[in-house]
Amino acid sequence: MEISGGEEEPVTSSMPKEVSNVSISDSDKFVYQILNGPNEHCLENFRMDKPVFYKLCDILQTRGLLRHTNRIKIEEQLAIFLFIIGHNLRTRAVQELFRYSGETISRHFNNVLNAVMSISMDFFHSNPNETLEDDDDPRFFPYFKDCLGVVDCIHIPVMVGVDEQGPFRNSNGLLTQNVLVASSFDLRFHYVLAGWEGSASDQQVLNAALTRRSKLLVPQGKYYIVDSKYLNLPGFIAPYHGVTTNSREEPKELFNERHKLLHRAFDRAFGALKERFPILLSAPPYPLQTQVKLVIVACALHNYIRSEKPDDLVFRMFEEDTMAETEEVALEEDQGEIEGHEHGFRPEEVDDSLRLRDEIASDLWDHYLQNMSTF
């Protein structure tokens, strides 16, 4: 199916502040004034530093995924795409800025989207040794030393036809796609499964991720933490159900408290992603397949930038855990964790995963009792 963006939508977003300070007499002048100007202008407009931008252009050209044309060079093609997803602007707004027709803007947007999509797997790497280390926060190490990160689902707004809206309407009545993501504590994404309807449960999407051809792989002896919407299964450690996190009167409560703190890494990673690419904050007027690709490509570019420039301004904003405490509530009652074999795991494997959680909780509790003043 040919993918194309909408071209006649009204402009609903204002221009970024940097754009108002740049002459737009012609498209070349805008792009190259940004690229030849201060690095901060490139980061503001194209969402990455200049060396990172140029290296991505080189990658796409070297692999034969993009090429210069008589009218528009690769740098400007990439700039158009990044400008759209980095400022959530519609085709008409970008058309006026770059001084190209809507068809040209749409065509190059899709060319870049498909080019990055074709190499996106290169940017998703799960390092089995990328776990908590002994110089990390003593609240978590060595108890969660084999934890790779966090797996959770997040709902991204989606636009679909009236006849398709039923399955995509989530529990809040909003049209979304339910996206499952495995993220590290270093704000990187290990795995992304996008495109599931908003009405699908998080556990259902995880089950799909574990059984599809390009499935989520968890190395032997490692695990991700998941929240209370999921079962405690091999490779996925959930909090204890029906246990609060507002006191430390038993091992399960302390475990849930630390588990919840670790889970915040997911919020920081997605906070950085949406800050950089706000097109994910609202439903863009593109075909569904394009909307699904946008999520994956945004996550891939996030990882690419994290590898090339881990301390850029956006990442620094979300490097530290500054999430405010939320009101503590009791987690829902046990949802039948012992039935994990229905999801492809043997009963003894599920028992082992429950035992691992108990061992972590016990070790945490023992250390807490010995070091109550500092732990």
Protein backbone atom coordinates (compact mmCIF):
# COMPACT_ATOMS: atom_id res chain seq x y z
CA MET A 1 0.00 0.00 0.00
CA GLU A 2 1.35 3.42 -0.88
CA ILE A 3 1.74 5.66 2.10
CA SER A 4 1.11 9.35 1.84
CA GLY A 5 0.54 12.13 4.31
CA GLY A 6 -2.39 14.53 4.26
CA GLU A 7 -1.68 17.69 2.35
CA GLU A 8 -4.71 19.93 2.81
CA GLU A 9 -5.14 19.96 6.57
CA PRO A 10 -5.49 23.34 8.26
CA VAL A 11 -2.51 24.51 10.28
CA THR A 12 -3.19 23.77 13.94
CA SER A 13 0.29 24.28 15.40
CA SER A 14 2.27 27.48 15.76
CA MET A 15 5.77 27.85 14.38
CA PRO A 16 8.65 27.04 16.77
CA LYS A 17 10.24 30.11 18.25
CA GLU A 18 13.50 29.63 16.34
CA VAL A 19 11.70 29.74 13.00
CA SER A 20 10.35 33.21 13.62
CA ASN A 21 13.95 34.48 13.82
CA VAL A 22 15.02 32.93 10.49
CA SER A 23 14.55 34.40 7.04
CA ILE A 24 12.45 32.11 4.87
CA SER A 25 12.89 33.76 1.49
CA ASP A 26 13.65 30.33 0.07
CA SER A 27 13.89 26.79 1.38
CA ASP A 28 17.66 26.42 0.92
CA LYS A 29 18.29 29.57 2.91
CA PHE A 30 16.21 28.32 5.82
CA VAL A 31 17.78 24.84 5.97
CA TYR A 32 21.35 25.94 5.54
CA GLN A 33 21.05 28.98 7.74
CA ILE A 34 20.05 26.57 10.49
CA LEU A 35 22.81 24.09 9.66
CA ASN A 36 25.44 26.84 9.38
CA GLY A 37 24.27 28.61 12.49
CA PRO A 38 24.63 27.81 16.20
CA ASN A 39 24.20 24.19 17.18
CA GLU A 40 21.29 25.15 19.44
CA HIS A 41 19.29 26.19 16.37
CA CYS A 42 19.75 22.76 14.80
CA LEU A 43 18.68 21.03 17.99
CA GLU A 44 15.64 23.28 18.30
CA ASN A 45 14.51 22.90 14.69
CA PHE A 46 15.70 19.45 13.64
CA ARG A 47 15.75 17.84 17.11
CA MET A 48 19.40 16.74 17.07
CA ASP A 49 22.85 18.31 17.14
CA LYS A 50 24.53 19.17 13.84
CA PRO A 51 27.16 16.37 13.88
CA VAL A 52 24.43 13.84 14.68
CA PHE A 53 22.26 15.22 11.87
CA TYR A 54 25.05 15.05 9.29
CA LYS A 55 26.05 11.53 10.33
CA LEU A 56 22.46 10.34 9.86
CA CYS A 57 22.42 11.91 6.39
CA ASP A 58 25.61 10.02 5.58
CA ILE A 59 24.18 6.72 6.85
CA LEU A 60 21.04 7.07 4.75
CA GLN A 61 23.01 8.04 1.66
CA THR A 62 25.72 5.37 2.05
CA ARG A 63 23.12 2.64 2.36
CA GLY A 64 21.36 3.86 -0.74
CA LEU A 65 18.17 4.73 1.10
CA LEU A 66 18.10 8.41 0.15
CA ARG A 67 19.69 10.32 -2.71
CA HIS A 68 20.11 13.91 -3.79
CA THR A 69 17.71 15.13 -6.46
CA ASN A 70 18.05 18.07 -8.80
CA ARG A 71 15.85 20.15 -6.54
CA ILE A 72 16.38 18.91 -3.01
CA LYS A 73 19.40 17.45 -1.25
CA ILE A 74 19.36 14.73 1.38
CA GLU A 75 19.98 17.26 4.15
CA GLU A 76 16.81 19.11 3.29
CA GLN A 77 14.79 15.91 2.85
CA LEU A 78 15.77 14.82 6.36
CA ALA A 79 15.19 18.33 7.70
CA ILE A 80 11.62 18.32 6.37
CA PHE A 81 10.86 15.02 8.06
CA LEU A 82 12.45 15.94 11.39
CA PHE A 83 10.80 19.34 11.35
CA ILE A 84 7.36 17.76 10.96
CA ILE A 85 7.73 15.15 13.70
CA GLY A 86 9.75 17.47 15.92
CA HIS A 87 7.13 20.24 15.95
CA ASN A 88 3.93 18.36 15.12
CA LEU A 89 3.23 20.59 12.13
CA ARG A 90 0.95 19.77 9.23
CA THR A 91 2.00 19.62 5.62
CA ARG A 92 0.61 23.07 4.80
CA ALA A 93 2.74 24.77 7.46
CA VAL A 94 5.91 23.02 6.30
CA GLN A 95 5.00 23.68 2.67
CA GLU A 96 4.94 27.41 3.32
CA LEU A 97 8.22 27.32 5.23
CA PHE A 98 10.26 25.18 2.82
CA ARG A 99 8.55 26.62 -0.26
CA TYR A 100 7.71 23.29 -1.87
CA SER A 101 4.38 21.91 -2.99
CA GLY A 102 2.36 19.72 -0.67
CA GLU A 103 3.05 16.74 -2.92
CA THR A 104 6.82 17.29 -2.68
CA ILE A 105 6.71 17.66 1.11
CA SER A 106 4.55 14.56 1.47
CA ARG A 107 6.72 12.50 -0.88
CA HIS A 108 9.96 13.31 0.89
CA PHE A 109 8.36 12.86 4.31
CA ASN A 110 7.38 9.32 3.36
CA ASN A 111 10.71 8.60 1.68
CA VAL A 112 12.60 9.49 4.85
CA LEU A 113 10.09 7.65 7.05
CA ASN A 114 10.53 4.46 5.04
CA ALA A 115 14.31 4.88 4.84
CA VAL A 116 14.72 5.14 8.61
CA MET A 117 12.15 2.38 9.13
CA SER A 118 14.19 0.03 6.95
CA ILE A 119 17.23 0.34 9.24
CA SER A 120 15.37 0.85 12.52
CA MET A 121 16.38 -2.58 13.85
CA ASP A 122 20.01 -1.43 13.78
CA PHE A 123 19.17 1.06 16.50
CA PHE A 124 17.44 -1.42 18.83
CA HIS A 125 20.07 -3.37 20.73
CA SER A 126 19.46 -5.15 24.01
CA ASN A 127 22.79 -5.65 25.75
CA PRO A 128 22.41 -8.57 28.23
CA ASN A 129 25.08 -6.93 30.39
CA GLU A 130 23.30 -3.57 30.45
CA THR A 131 21.81 -4.04 33.90
CA LEU A 132 22.13 -2.26 37.22
CA GLU A 133 25.77 -2.08 38.29
CA ASP A 134 27.48 -2.03 41.66
CA ASP A 135 28.04 1.73 41.46
CA ASP A 136 24.33 2.35 41.02
CA ASP A 137 21.87 3.35 43.74
CA PRO A 138 22.30 1.01 46.75
CA ARG A 139 18.53 0.94 47.08
CA PHE A 140 18.48 -1.32 44.02
CA PHE A 141 21.87 -3.01 43.74
CA PRO A 142 22.58 -5.89 44.11
CA TYR A 143 18.93 -6.90 44.61
CA PHE A 144 17.85 -6.09 41.04
CA LYS A 145 21.27 -6.74 39.49
CA ASP A 146 19.81 -8.89 36.68
CA CYS A 147 17.12 -6.40 35.71
CA LEU A 148 17.41 -5.15 32.12
CA GLY A 149 14.84 -2.39 32.45
CA VAL A 150 11.10 -1.91 32.23
CA VAL A 151 8.42 -3.34 29.95
CA ASP A 152 5.13 -1.48 29.75
CA CYS A 153 2.48 -0.32 27.31
CA ILE A 154 1.67 3.25 26.43
CA HIS A 155 -1.30 4.58 24.48
CA ILE A 156 -0.45 6.81 21.51
CA PRO A 157 -3.30 8.83 19.88
CA VAL A 158 -4.37 7.45 16.53
CA MET A 159 -6.60 8.61 13.69
CA VAL A 160 -8.68 5.96 11.92
CA GLY A 161 -11.84 5.87 9.83
CA VAL A 162 -15.24 5.72 11.47
CA ASP A 163 -15.68 2.06 10.58
CA GLU A 164 -12.38 1.18 12.32
CA GLN A 165 -12.80 3.19 15.49
CA GLY A 166 -14.40 0.53 17.70
CA PRO A 167 -11.31 -1.62 18.37
CA PHE A 168 -9.05 1.43 18.73
CA ARG A 169 -11.19 3.06 21.43
CA ASN A 170 -9.48 2.49 24.78
CA SER A 171 -11.01 2.27 28.24
CA ASN A 172 -11.07 6.06 28.48
CA GLY A 173 -13.01 6.36 25.24
CA LEU A 174 -10.04 7.75 23.29
CA LEU A 175 -8.75 6.47 19.96
CA THR A 176 -5.26 5.07 20.51
CA GLN A 177 -2.82 2.40 19.50
CA ASN A 178 -1.49 0.35 22.40
CA VAL A 179 2.30 0.29 22.08
CA LEU A 180 4.45 -2.12 24.06
CA VAL A 181 7.99 -0.98 24.81
CA ALA A 182 10.97 -2.49 26.60
CA SER A 183 13.19 0.33 27.88
CA SER A 184 16.50 0.36 29.73
CA PHE A 185 17.51 2.38 32.77
CA ASP A 186 19.70 4.39 30.38
CA LEU A 187 16.68 5.85 28.57
CA ARG A 188 17.09 3.57 25.55
CA PHE A 189 14.47 1.40 23.92
CA HIS A 190 15.24 -2.29 23.50
CA TYR A 191 12.05 -3.32 21.74
CA VAL A 192 8.90 -1.68 20.35
CA LEU A 193 5.67 -3.34 19.23
CA ALA A 194 3.27 -0.76 17.79
CA GLY A 195 -0.08 -0.96 16.04
CA TRP A 196 -2.24 -2.87 18.53
CA GLU A 197 -5.73 -1.49 19.01
CA GLY A 198 -6.32 0.70 22.04
CA SER A 199 -8.91 -1.75 23.40
CA ALA A 200 -6.32 -4.55 23.69
CA SER A 201 -5.14 -5.29 27.22
CA ASP A 202 -1.50 -4.76 28.09
CA GLN A 203 -1.10 -8.45 28.93
CA GLN A 204 -2.54 -9.37 25.54
CA VAL A 205 -0.01 -7.17 23.76
CA LEU A 206 2.85 -8.64 25.81
CA ASN A 207 1.70 -12.16 24.94
CA ALA A 208 1.81 -11.18 21.27
CA ALA A 209 5.31 -9.76 21.68
CA LEU A 210 6.48 -13.09 23.13
CA THR A 211 5.02 -15.26 20.38
CA ARG A 212 5.39 -13.29 17.12
CA ARG A 213 8.22 -13.90 14.68
CA SER A 214 10.24 -10.81 15.68
CA LYS A 215 9.57 -11.37 19.35
CA LEU A 216 10.78 -9.76 22.51
CA LEU A 217 13.74 -11.82 23.74
CA VAL A 218 14.80 -11.88 27.38
CA PRO A 219 18.26 -13.42 27.95
CA GLN A 220 18.45 -16.40 30.31
CA GLY A 221 18.76 -15.25 33.90
CA LYS A 222 17.68 -11.67 33.12
CA TYR A 223 14.31 -9.98 33.48
CA TYR A 224 12.33 -6.78 33.04
CA ILE A 225 10.07 -5.31 35.67
CA VAL A 226 6.40 -4.82 34.78
CA ASP A 227 3.58 -3.15 36.65
CA SER A 228 0.48 -4.65 38.23
CA LYS A 229 -1.37 -4.98 34.91
CA TYR A 230 0.86 -7.94 34.06
CA LEU A 231 1.38 -11.39 35.48
CA ASN A 232 4.60 -12.34 37.23
CA LEU A 233 6.17 -14.62 34.63
CA PRO A 234 9.66 -15.81 33.67
CA GLY A 235 11.58 -12.75 32.49
CA PHE A 236 8.99 -10.33 33.90
CA ILE A 237 8.83 -9.39 37.57
CA ALA A 238 5.60 -7.73 38.69
CA PRO A 239 4.83 -6.08 42.04
CA TYR A 240 2.92 -8.00 44.70
CA HIS A 241 -0.81 -7.57 44.21
CA GLY A 242 -2.95 -6.17 47.01
CA VAL A 243 0.09 -4.66 48.75
CA THR A 244 0.59 -0.91 49.31
CA THR A 245 3.84 1.00 48.94
CA ASN A 246 3.20 3.64 51.61
CA SER A 247 4.83 1.76 54.50
CA ARG A 248 7.69 -0.63 55.19
CA GLU A 249 6.14 -3.09 57.58
CA GLU A 250 6.88 -6.24 55.60
CA PRO A 251 9.15 -7.43 52.77
CA LYS A 252 6.42 -7.20 50.13
CA GLU A 253 5.77 -3.52 50.87
CA LEU A 254 9.46 -2.63 50.63
CA PHE A 255 9.78 -4.62 47.41
CA ASN A 256 6.82 -2.80 45.85
CA GLU A 257 8.28 0.56 46.84
CA ARG A 258 11.63 -0.15 45.16
CA HIS A 259 9.92 -1.78 42.20
CA LYS A 260 7.82 1.35 41.65
CA LEU A 261 10.89 3.60 41.79
CA LEU A 262 12.64 1.50 39.16
CA HIS A 263 9.56 1.60 36.95
CA ARG A 264 9.91 5.37 36.67
CA ALA A 265 12.71 4.84 34.15
CA PHE A 266 9.98 4.05 31.62
CA ASP A 267 8.30 7.41 32.24
CA ARG A 268 11.61 9.23 31.83
CA ALA A 269 12.40 7.48 28.56
CA PHE A 270 8.99 8.27 27.08
CA GLY A 271 9.12 11.77 28.50
CA ALA A 272 12.31 12.40 26.52
CA LEU A 273 10.83 10.78 23.40
CA LYS A 274 7.70 12.95 23.43
CA GLU A 275 9.68 16.07 24.26
CA ARG A 276 11.81 15.53 21.18
CA PHE A 277 9.07 14.28 18.85
CA PRO A 278 5.73 15.80 19.94
CA ILE A 279 3.97 14.36 16.91
CA LEU A 280 3.34 11.41 19.26
CA LEU A 281 1.19 13.60 21.48
CA SER A 282 -1.70 13.85 19.04
CA ALA A 283 -3.17 11.81 16.22
CA PRO A 284 -1.50 12.84 12.92
CA PRO A 285 -3.66 12.78 9.76
CA TYR A 286 -1.81 9.94 8.07
CA PRO A 287 -2.83 6.40 7.11
CA LEU A 288 -2.74 3.95 10.02
CA GLN A 289 0.32 2.17 8.67
CA THR A 290 2.19 5.48 8.61
CA GLN A 291 1.13 6.25 12.18
CA VAL A 292 2.47 2.87 13.33
CA LYS A 293 5.76 3.44 11.52
CA LEU A 294 6.09 6.88 13.09
CA VAL A 295 6.16 5.38 16.58
CA ILE A 296 8.87 2.88 15.68
CA VAL A 297 10.94 5.42 13.75
CA ALA A 298 10.71 7.97 16.57
CA CYS A 299 11.97 5.35 19.05
CA ALA A 300 14.76 4.32 16.65
CA LEU A 301 15.90 7.94 16.20
CA HIS A 302 15.73 8.42 19.97
CA ASN A 303 18.15 5.50 20.38
CA TYR A 304 20.40 6.77 17.59
CA ILE A 305 20.69 10.19 19.21
CA ARG A 306 21.24 8.62 22.64
CA SER A 307 24.18 6.67 21.23
CA GLU A 308 25.69 9.62 19.39
CA LYS A 309 24.98 12.43 21.85
CA PRO A 310 23.91 10.97 25.21
CA ASP A 311 24.13 14.31 27.01
CA ASP A 312 22.17 16.52 24.66
CA LEU A 313 19.70 19.00 26.12
CA VAL A 314 16.61 16.81 25.83
CA PHE A 315 18.25 13.83 27.55
CA ARG A 316 19.61 16.03 30.32
CA MET A 317 16.07 17.14 31.06
CA PHE A 318 15.05 13.56 31.83
CA GLU A 319 18.32 12.08 33.09
CA GLU A 320 17.43 12.31 36.74
CA ASP A 321 14.35 10.89 38.38
CA THR A 322 12.31 14.02 39.01
CA MET A 323 8.89 12.43 38.75
CA ALA A 324 6.62 13.57 41.56
CA GLU A 325 5.32 11.02 44.00
CA THR A 326 1.82 9.86 43.25
CA GLU A 327 -0.76 8.99 45.83
CA GLU A 328 -0.17 5.50 47.20
CA VAL A 329 -2.97 3.01 46.68
CA ALA A 330 -3.28 -0.70 47.20
CA LEU A 331 -2.58 -2.68 44.06
CA GLU A 332 -5.37 -4.81 42.68
CA GLU A 333 -5.84 -8.29 43.99
CA ASP A 334 -3.96 -11.25 42.59
CA GLN A 335 -5.03 -11.92 39.01
CA GLY A 336 -4.16 -15.57 38.91
CA GLU A 337 -0.39 -15.49 38.53
CA ILE A 338 -0.14 -19.28 38.84
CA GLU A 339 -1.95 -19.58 35.52
CA GLY A 340 1.11 -18.37 33.66
CA HIS A 341 1.40 -21.65 31.77
CA GLU A 342 -1.52 -20.47 29.65
CA HIS A 343 0.88 -17.92 28.20
CA GLY A 344 3.45 -20.41 27.01
CA PHE A 345 5.31 -21.04 30.27
CA ARG A 346 5.44 -24.29 32.20
CA PRO A 347 4.09 -24.25 35.79
CA GLU A 348 7.55 -24.89 37.21
CA GLU A 349 8.91 -21.90 35.27
CA VAL A 350 6.22 -19.69 36.74
CA ASP A 351 7.00 -21.04 40.21
CA ASP A 352 10.66 -20.15 39.70
CA SER A 353 9.75 -16.59 38.74
CA LEU A 354 7.60 -16.22 41.85
CA ARG A 355 10.42 -17.64 43.95
CA LEU A 356 12.87 -15.14 42.42
CA ARG A 357 10.60 -12.26 43.41
CA ASP A 358 10.36 -13.59 46.97
CA GLU A 359 14.14 -13.90 47.15
CA ILE A 360 14.63 -10.31 46.04
CA ALA A 361 12.05 -9.11 48.57
CA SER A 362 13.71 -11.15 51.34
CA ASP A 363 17.19 -9.80 50.56
CA LEU A 364 15.88 -6.24 50.46
CA TRP A 365 14.12 -6.70 53.77
CA ASP A 366 17.14 -8.23 55.51
CA HIS A 367 19.37 -5.38 54.40
CA TYR A 368 16.74 -2.85 55.39
CA LEU A 369 16.53 -4.20 58.93
CA GLN A 370 20.31 -4.03 59.24
CA ASN A 371 20.62 -0.52 57.81
CA MET A 372 17.34 1.19 58.60
CA SER A 373 18.93 4.60 59.09
CA THR A 374 20.55 4.74 55.65
CA PHE A 375 18.57 2.36 53.42
